[in-house]
Protein backbone atom coordinates (compact mmCIF):
# COMPACT_ATOMS: atom_id res chain seq x y z
CA UNK A 1 4.90 15.88 -13.94
CA UNK A 2 1.83 14.24 -15.44
CA UNK A 3 2.59 12.30 -18.64
CA UNK A 4 -0.75 10.52 -19.01
CA UNK A 5 -4.26 11.64 -19.84
CA UNK A 6 -7.22 10.14 -18.01
CA UNK A 7 -9.16 7.55 -19.99
CA UNK A 8 -12.71 8.75 -20.65
CA UNK A 9 -15.43 7.41 -22.93
CA UNK A 10 -14.32 9.50 -25.92
CA UNK A 11 -10.90 7.78 -25.84
CA UNK A 12 -12.51 4.48 -26.82
CA UNK A 13 -11.88 3.15 -30.33
CA UNK A 14 -13.80 0.00 -31.25
CA UNK A 15 -11.05 -0.95 -33.70
CA UNK A 16 -8.48 -1.22 -30.91
CA UNK A 17 -8.20 -3.69 -28.05
CA UNK A 18 -8.66 -2.42 -24.51
CA UNK A 19 -5.78 -3.69 -22.37
CA UNK A 20 -5.47 -3.14 -18.61
CA UNK A 21 -1.85 -3.20 -17.42
CA UNK A 22 -2.04 -4.56 -13.87
CA UNK A 23 -4.09 -7.54 -12.65
CA UNK A 24 -4.51 -6.45 -9.05
CA UNK A 25 -6.58 -4.02 -7.00
CA UNK A 26 -6.25 -1.19 -9.51
CA UNK A 27 -6.96 -3.58 -12.35
CA UNK A 28 -10.26 -4.38 -10.65
CA UNK A 29 -11.03 -0.67 -10.31
CA UNK A 30 -10.28 -0.08 -14.00
CA UNK A 31 -12.44 -3.04 -15.00
CA UNK A 32 -15.34 -1.81 -12.89
CA UNK A 33 -15.12 1.66 -14.40
CA UNK A 34 -15.06 0.27 -17.95
CA UNK A 35 -18.06 -1.95 -17.20
CA UNK A 36 -19.88 1.18 -16.02
CA UNK A 37 -19.16 2.69 -19.45
CA UNK A 38 -20.19 -0.50 -21.24
CA UNK A 39 -16.68 -1.06 -22.61
CA UNK A 40 -15.33 -4.60 -22.91
CA UNK A 41 -11.81 -5.45 -21.73
CA UNK A 42 -9.86 -7.74 -24.05
CA UNK A 43 -6.95 -8.70 -21.81
CA UNK A 44 -4.80 -7.84 -18.83
CA UNK A 45 -1.01 -7.52 -18.83
CA UNK A 46 0.87 -8.48 -15.68
CA UNK A 47 4.29 -10.15 -15.48
CA UNK A 48 3.43 -11.92 -12.22
CA UNK A 49 0.15 -13.44 -13.40
CA UNK A 50 0.83 -14.36 -17.01
CA UNK A 51 -1.22 -17.36 -18.11
CA UNK A 52 -3.90 -16.85 -15.45
CA UNK A 53 -7.45 -15.53 -15.70
CA UNK A 54 -8.53 -12.42 -13.80
CA UNK A 55 -12.26 -11.75 -13.56
CA UNK A 56 -12.65 -14.24 -16.41
CA UNK A 57 -10.26 -12.28 -18.66
CA UNK A 58 -6.88 -13.68 -19.81
CA UNK A 59 -3.67 -12.25 -18.38
CA UNK A 60 -0.61 -11.99 -20.65
CA UNK A 61 2.99 -11.17 -19.84
CA UNK A 62 4.69 -7.94 -20.99
CA UNK A 63 6.20 -9.79 -23.96
CA UNK A 64 2.83 -9.38 -25.70
CA UNK A 65 3.11 -5.59 -25.81
CA UNK A 66 4.93 -5.42 -29.13
CA UNK A 67 2.18 -7.51 -30.73
CA UNK A 68 -0.47 -5.13 -29.41
CA UNK A 69 1.50 -1.88 -29.47
CA UNK A 70 -1.17 -0.09 -31.52
CA UNK A 71 -3.94 -0.84 -29.02
CA UNK A 72 -5.13 1.05 -25.92
CA UNK A 73 -3.42 0.52 -22.55
CA UNK A 74 -4.78 1.58 -19.16
CA UNK A 75 -2.18 1.81 -16.39
CA UNK A 76 -3.69 0.12 -13.34
CA UNK A 77 -0.89 0.17 -10.79
CA UNK A 78 0.33 2.27 -7.91
CA UNK A 79 3.80 0.96 -7.08
CA UNK A 80 4.77 0.17 -10.67
CA UNK A 81 3.27 3.17 -12.47
CA UNK A 82 6.63 4.61 -13.53
CA UNK A 83 7.94 1.22 -14.67
CA UNK A 84 4.82 0.56 -16.74
CA UNK A 85 4.97 3.95 -18.46
CA UNK A 86 8.62 3.37 -19.34
CA UNK A 87 7.88 -0.16 -20.60
CA UNK A 88 5.06 1.06 -22.84
CA UNK A 89 7.14 3.91 -24.25
CA UNK A 90 10.10 1.61 -24.90
CA UNK A 91 7.81 -0.77 -26.80
CA UNK A 92 6.47 1.96 -29.04
CA UNK A 93 3.00 2.23 -27.48
CA UNK A 94 1.36 5.61 -28.04
CA UNK A 95 -2.16 5.04 -26.71
CA UNK A 96 -1.75 4.76 -22.94
CA UNK A 97 -3.88 6.39 -20.27
CA UNK A 98 -4.23 6.55 -16.50
CA UNK A 99 -7.40 5.28 -14.79
CA UNK A 100 -8.24 8.24 -12.55
CA UNK A 101 -11.71 8.71 -14.08
CA UNK A 102 -12.43 4.97 -14.08
CA UNK A 103 -11.67 4.80 -10.36
CA UNK A 104 -14.08 7.67 -9.76
CA UNK A 105 -16.98 6.00 -11.57
CA UNK A 106 -16.35 2.38 -10.58
CA UNK A 107 -19.46 1.11 -8.72
CA UNK A 108 -18.83 0.38 -5.04
CA UNK A 109 -20.80 -2.87 -5.21
CA UNK A 110 -18.32 -4.26 -7.75
CA UNK A 111 -15.42 -4.02 -5.30
CA UNK A 112 -14.10 -6.04 -2.38
CA UNK A 113 -13.25 -4.19 0.84
CA UNK A 114 -9.60 -3.75 -0.15
CA UNK A 115 -10.26 -2.23 -3.57
CA UNK A 116 -13.06 -0.14 -2.07
CA UNK A 117 -10.45 1.34 0.28
CA UNK A 118 -8.29 2.22 -2.71
CA UNK A 119 -11.23 3.94 -4.42
CA UNK A 120 -12.01 6.00 -1.33
CA UNK A 121 -8.34 6.94 -1.05
CA UNK A 122 -8.04 7.88 -4.74
CA UNK A 123 -5.63 10.69 -3.87
CA UNK A 124 -2.85 8.06 -3.65
CA UNK A 125 -3.28 7.27 -7.34
CA UNK A 126 -3.53 10.96 -8.21
CA UNK A 127 -0.26 11.57 -6.41
CA UNK A 128 1.38 8.84 -8.48
CA UNK A 129 0.17 10.09 -11.86
CA UNK A 130 1.06 13.69 -11.04
CA UNK A 131 4.61 12.89 -9.91
CA UNK A 132 5.95 10.75 -12.75
CA UNK A 133 9.62 11.35 -13.48
CA UNK A 134 11.80 8.70 -15.05
CA UNK A 135 14.93 10.19 -13.49
CA UNK A 136 13.65 10.38 -9.93
CA UNK A 137 13.23 7.73 -7.24
CA UNK A 138 9.54 7.97 -6.39
CA UNK A 139 8.26 5.71 -3.58
CA UNK A 140 4.52 5.02 -3.40
CA UNK A 141 4.17 4.69 0.35
CA UNK A 142 6.09 3.74 3.47
CA UNK A 143 4.52 2.55 6.72
CA UNK A 144 6.37 4.14 9.63
CA UNK A 145 5.94 2.19 12.87
CA UNK A 146 5.86 4.46 15.92
CA UNK A 147 4.75 1.91 18.53
CA UNK A 148 4.32 -1.81 19.16
CA UNK A 149 1.67 -1.12 21.78
CA UNK A 150 -1.97 -1.53 20.86
CA UNK A 151 -5.33 -1.02 22.59
CA UNK A 152 -6.70 -4.21 21.00
CA UNK A 153 -5.48 -7.80 21.16
CA UNK A 154 -6.41 -9.12 17.72
CA UNK A 155 -5.32 -12.74 17.54
CA UNK A 156 -4.99 -12.61 13.74
CA UNK A 157 -3.21 -9.26 13.35
CA UNK A 158 -1.34 -9.36 10.03
CA UNK A 159 1.37 -7.10 11.49
CA UNK A 160 2.05 -9.57 14.33
CA UNK A 161 1.35 -7.20 17.23
CA UNK A 162 -0.21 -10.14 19.11
CA UNK A 163 3.22 -11.75 19.48
CA UNK A 164 4.84 -8.90 21.42
CA UNK A 165 5.17 -9.87 25.09
CA UNK A 166 6.60 -6.49 26.10
CA UNK A 167 5.52 -3.96 23.42
CA UNK A 168 7.17 -0.55 23.45
CA UNK A 169 6.59 2.94 22.17
CA UNK A 170 9.54 3.68 19.91
CA UNK A 171 11.74 6.72 20.45
CA UNK A 172 10.28 9.36 18.14
CA UNK A 173 13.55 11.23 17.79
CA UNK A 174 15.47 8.10 16.86
CA UNK A 175 12.85 7.42 14.19
CA UNK A 176 13.24 10.98 12.90
CA UNK A 177 17.04 10.68 12.69
CA UNK A 178 16.92 7.49 10.62
CA UNK A 179 13.86 8.42 8.55
CA UNK A 180 15.52 11.72 7.64
CA UNK A 181 18.35 9.65 6.17
CA UNK A 182 15.79 7.70 4.15
CA UNK A 183 14.16 10.89 2.88
CA UNK A 184 17.59 12.28 1.93
CA UNK A 185 18.07 9.14 -0.20
CA UNK A 186 14.92 9.44 -2.35
CA UNK A 187 13.24 12.14 -4.42
CA UNK A 188 9.53 11.76 -3.65
CA UNK A 189 7.45 9.87 -1.08
CA UNK A 190 3.83 9.90 -2.18
CA UNK A 191 2.43 8.79 1.17
CA UNK A 192 3.84 8.42 4.65
CA UNK A 193 1.64 6.06 6.66
CA UNK A 194 1.96 6.31 10.44
CA UNK A 195 0.85 3.24 12.38
CA UNK A 196 1.62 0.82 15.15
CA UNK A 197 0.14 -0.80 17.13
CA UNK A 198 -2.14 2.14 17.85
CA UNK A 199 -0.32 5.40 16.95
CA UNK A 200 -2.53 7.68 19.06
CA UNK A 201 -1.02 6.03 22.15
CA UNK A 202 2.21 7.93 21.44
CA UNK A 203 2.26 11.28 23.24
CA UNK A 204 4.98 12.72 20.99
CA UNK A 205 3.10 11.80 17.80
CA UNK A 206 2.32 15.44 17.08
CA UNK A 207 6.03 16.31 17.22
CA UNK A 208 6.77 13.55 14.73
CA UNK A 209 4.10 14.71 12.28
CA UNK A 210 5.10 18.33 12.70
CA UNK A 211 8.68 17.47 11.73
CA UNK A 212 7.54 16.24 8.30
CA UNK A 213 4.46 18.30 7.54
CA UNK A 214 6.39 20.90 5.53
CA UNK A 215 8.69 18.43 3.78
CA UNK A 216 7.92 19.00 0.10
CA UNK A 217 9.15 15.51 -0.80
CA UNK A 218 6.26 13.99 1.17
CA UNK A 219 2.96 14.47 -0.65
CA UNK A 220 0.57 12.96 1.90
CA UNK A 221 0.62 11.86 5.54
CA UNK A 222 -1.89 9.24 6.74
CA UNK A 223 -2.45 8.06 10.31
CA UNK A 224 -4.04 4.61 10.78
CA UNK A 225 -6.05 4.08 13.96
CA UNK A 226 -8.30 1.33 15.32
CA UNK A 227 -10.69 4.03 16.63
CA UNK A 228 -10.38 3.07 20.29
CA UNK A 229 -8.90 6.26 21.73
CA UNK A 230 -8.98 9.98 21.05
CA UNK A 231 -5.71 11.72 20.16
CA UNK A 232 -4.21 14.33 22.45
CA UNK A 233 -5.33 17.92 21.83
CA UNK A 234 -1.83 18.95 20.74
CA UNK A 235 -1.95 16.17 18.15
CA UNK A 236 -5.41 17.28 16.98
CA UNK A 237 -4.06 20.78 16.36
CA UNK A 238 -1.36 19.43 14.05
CA UNK A 239 -3.80 17.19 12.13
CA UNK A 240 -5.59 20.29 10.77
CA UNK A 241 -3.73 20.26 7.50
CA UNK A 242 -4.91 19.31 4.00
CA UNK A 243 -1.83 17.13 3.60
CA UNK A 244 -3.00 14.87 6.45
CA UNK A 245 -5.76 12.27 6.68
CA UNK A 246 -6.83 9.97 9.51
CA UNK A 247 -7.84 6.43 8.50
CA UNK A 248 -10.25 4.95 11.03
CA UNK A 249 -10.87 1.22 11.17
CA UNK A 250 -14.41 0.21 12.10
CA UNK A 251 -14.40 -3.12 13.95
CA UNK A 252 -17.88 -2.66 15.38
CA UNK A 253 -18.01 -2.70 19.16
CA UNK A 254 -14.23 -3.10 19.41
CA UNK A 255 -13.75 0.36 17.87
CA UNK A 256 -15.32 1.81 20.97
CA UNK A 257 -14.55 5.50 20.30
CA UNK A 258 -15.28 5.58 16.58
CA UNK A 259 -18.32 7.86 16.89
CA UNK A 260 -16.55 10.25 19.26
CA UNK A 261 -13.44 10.33 17.09
CA UNK A 262 -15.46 10.94 13.95
CA UNK A 263 -17.34 13.78 15.63
CA UNK A 264 -14.07 15.34 16.82
CA UNK A 265 -12.50 15.16 13.38
CA UNK A 266 -15.65 16.59 11.81
CA UNK A 267 -15.72 19.48 14.28
CA UNK A 268 -12.03 20.26 13.71
CA UNK A 269 -12.42 19.88 9.91
CA UNK A 270 -9.73 17.18 9.75
CA UNK A 271 -9.65 14.84 6.74
CA UNK A 272 -10.66 11.29 7.61
CA UNK A 273 -11.82 7.99 6.13
CA UNK A 274 -13.72 5.17 7.82
CA UNK A 275 -12.95 1.60 6.73
CA UNK A 276 -15.46 -0.99 7.91
CA UNK A 277 -13.90 -4.44 8.12
CA UNK A 278 -16.04 -7.53 8.58
CA UNK A 279 -13.28 -9.94 7.61
CA UNK A 280 -9.54 -10.18 7.05
CA UNK A 281 -7.36 -12.35 4.87
CA UNK A 282 -6.03 -15.30 6.86
CA UNK A 283 -2.24 -14.98 6.89
CA UNK A 284 -1.92 -17.83 9.38
CA UNK A 285 0.40 -18.37 12.32
CA UNK A 286 4.18 -17.96 12.39
CA UNK A 287 4.79 -21.66 11.89
CA UNK A 288 7.31 -22.31 9.10
CA UNK A 289 5.75 -23.77 5.95
CA UNK A 290 7.38 -26.36 3.73
CA UNK A 291 7.25 -24.16 0.62
CA UNK A 292 9.27 -24.64 -2.55
CA UNK A 293 11.17 -21.65 -3.97
CA UNK A 294 8.58 -21.49 -6.75
CA UNK A 295 5.75 -21.31 -4.21
CA UNK A 296 7.52 -18.54 -2.27
CA UNK A 297 7.97 -16.55 -5.48
CA UNK A 298 4.27 -16.97 -6.33
CA UNK A 299 3.08 -16.02 -2.84
CA UNK A 300 5.24 -12.91 -2.90
CA UNK A 301 4.17 -11.86 -6.41
CA UNK A 302 0.47 -12.14 -5.51
CA UNK A 303 0.67 -10.67 -2.02
CA UNK A 304 -1.12 -7.42 -1.23
CA UNK A 305 1.46 -6.76 1.51
CA UNK A 306 4.61 -7.43 -0.52
CA UNK A 307 5.06 -3.75 -1.31
CA UNK A 308 3.87 -2.41 2.05
CA UNK A 309 7.29 -0.90 2.67
CA UNK A 310 7.75 -0.79 6.43
CA UNK A 311 10.12 1.52 8.27
CA UNK A 312 10.80 0.04 11.68
CA UNK A 313 13.59 0.74 14.18
CA UNK A 314 15.68 2.53 11.58
CA UNK A 315 15.36 -0.11 8.87
CA UNK A 316 13.33 -0.34 5.66
CA UNK A 317 11.63 -3.70 5.05
CA UNK A 318 9.48 -4.88 2.16
CA UNK A 319 6.52 -5.91 4.33
CA UNK A 320 5.41 -5.56 7.98
CA UNK A 321 5.55 -9.32 8.62
CA UNK A 322 9.19 -9.28 7.58
CA UNK A 323 9.95 -6.46 10.03
CA UNK A 324 8.05 -7.73 13.05
CA UNK A 325 8.71 -11.43 12.49
CA UNK A 326 12.41 -10.75 12.75
CA UNK A 327 12.00 -8.53 15.81
CA UNK A 328 10.12 -11.15 17.81
CA UNK A 329 12.66 -13.84 16.86
CA UNK A 330 10.58 -16.00 14.52
CA UNK A 331 13.25 -15.83 11.80
CA UNK A 332 16.25 -13.84 10.61
CA UNK A 333 15.93 -11.92 7.33
CA UNK A 334 18.64 -12.03 4.70
CA UNK A 335 20.76 -8.90 4.52
CA UNK A 336 19.27 -8.23 1.06
CA UNK A 337 15.75 -8.00 2.54
CA UNK A 338 16.25 -4.78 4.51
CA UNK A 339 18.28 -1.57 4.56
CA UNK A 340 19.53 0.12 7.73
CA UNK A 341 19.23 3.93 7.64
CA UNK A 342 20.27 4.52 11.23
CA UNK A 343 23.83 5.31 10.19
CA UNK A 344 23.27 7.54 7.15
CA UNK A 345 21.66 7.89 3.73
CA UNK A 346 21.94 5.20 1.06
CA UNK A 347 22.33 5.26 -2.71
CA UNK A 348 19.33 4.99 -5.00
CA UNK A 349 20.86 1.82 -6.41
CA UNK A 350 20.83 0.18 -2.96
CA UNK A 351 17.17 1.08 -2.48
CA UNK A 352 16.20 -0.11 -5.96
CA UNK A 353 18.02 -3.40 -5.38
CA UNK A 354 15.80 -3.91 -2.33
CA UNK A 355 12.43 -2.91 -3.75
CA UNK A 356 12.95 -4.66 -7.09
CA UNK A 357 13.03 -8.03 -5.30
CA UNK A 358 10.88 -10.59 -7.15
CA UNK A 359 12.17 -13.81 -5.54
CA UNK A 360 10.25 -13.52 -2.28
CA UNK A 361 11.22 -13.06 1.35
CA UNK A 362 12.22 -15.19 4.30
CA UNK A 363 8.94 -14.03 5.87
CA UNK A 364 6.98 -15.69 3.05
CA UNK A 365 7.89 -19.09 4.53
CA UNK A 366 5.99 -18.10 7.68
CA UNK A 367 2.87 -16.76 5.99
CA UNK A 368 -0.12 -17.86 3.91
CA UNK A 369 0.17 -14.74 1.77
CA UNK A 370 -2.57 -12.17 1.23
CA UNK A 371 -4.30 -12.06 -2.15
CA UNK A 372 -7.78 -11.93 -3.67
CA UNK A 373 -8.08 -15.72 -3.28
CA UNK A 374 -7.09 -15.80 0.41
CA UNK A 375 -9.31 -17.54 2.95
CA UNK A 376 -11.39 -15.02 4.88
CA UNK A 377 -11.65 -14.90 8.66
CA UNK A 378 -13.65 -12.59 10.94
CA UNK A 379 -11.83 -9.31 11.54
CA UNK A 380 -10.39 -8.28 14.89
CA UNK A 381 -11.27 -11.34 16.97
CA UNK A 382 -9.83 -10.59 20.40
CA UNK A 383 -7.42 -12.92 22.17
CA UNK A 384 -8.64 -12.55 25.74
C-alpha cells in the first residue's frame, strides 16, 4: 500500500523548510533532484549522522522533528522507509513525500558510482514505497549466496572470495529448504539478490530461480554477475520474466564476455543493467583493528554494507563480510549477529532484534568500513 505522494515542483512551499530524511545514497539522489528543480535544501535528518555536514548541509537527529513538524519532509531511505514514515506520523508531521520523481530527474553527473547504481535500479525504491505496511515485516533485500567459486581472483573483493582456498558450489536444495523457512517468517521481500562468487557457474541456478519466481512475497529477483561467462540455456529460459533482472559488472577486459552476454540478454528480451566500476572502496585486509566500541558503532552506522543482509549456508547475516569472515575462520560472530533458518522459521521479533542492531558487528573490527569518505582503490585488480 502506498501512503506517500511523490514530491514534485508544485509541492514546494517557500514558507516551509525542505528537509531530507536520510543522509546517505538516497539523500544524495533527493538533493540532486531538488537542485535540478532549483529548490534549496535546509537540512538533513539522520540519527546516525547528527551533528555532521552532508554536501555542505547540516544533519540533525530525529529529535528535531517536533520543532519542524510543519515543514516538508522527503523520505530518502530504502531500508528504513517504514520506520521513517512511522516516526513522522508519530511526531505529527503531515507534509511528507517520497522521492521517486527526484530520483528520476537527478542528473547522472551529480552522482558517485554507487548512487548512480541506485538511480538506474529505481525499481527497488518503487517497491519500497508501494509496499508500506506498518503491521508487516518488509525486508528491503537479501543477498543469497549460491557459490563461493568465482571466475575472477580480485585481491580486494569486499565479499572475501579471495580468501577461500577450496571454494564450493552450495547445495541448491539445502539453500531452498532454509530460505523457505526465512520466507515463511516474513511478509514481503522486496528484492532477492542472487550472487556468489559467480552465480552463473552453478548449473542448478535455473531450478533455484524457478522455485521462487511465482512467490508473491518476493517482488524482484536480481542476479549479479561479473560478466565473464554465459549462463546455461536452461537458465536463460527462466530469466525471461519481468520480475527478474541481470546486473552485469563491467571491469573492462576482465569482464571478458560482457558484450556477448549483453547481446544474448538483448536478443532474449531479458532485463539487465550494466554497472561500470573503475574503483572500489578499500575495505582493507582481514587483520584485526584496534577499534574502540565508539569507532565500531560509527563504522557500522556509516557503512554501505551494514544492511546488505546476506543469506549464507542457512543463516541470515547483516553483511557479507560477517558471513564469509566467519566461514574462513577469521573470527567468530556473536550469536546475536546471525539467525539460523536451517531448522525452521523464526519469529518476527527474533528477526527484528537482529536487523535493528546499531552497536556494530564483530566483522567491523576486521574492516575499514565502506562509506562515501572511503579511500578508493582500482576495481577488480587480479591476484595472479
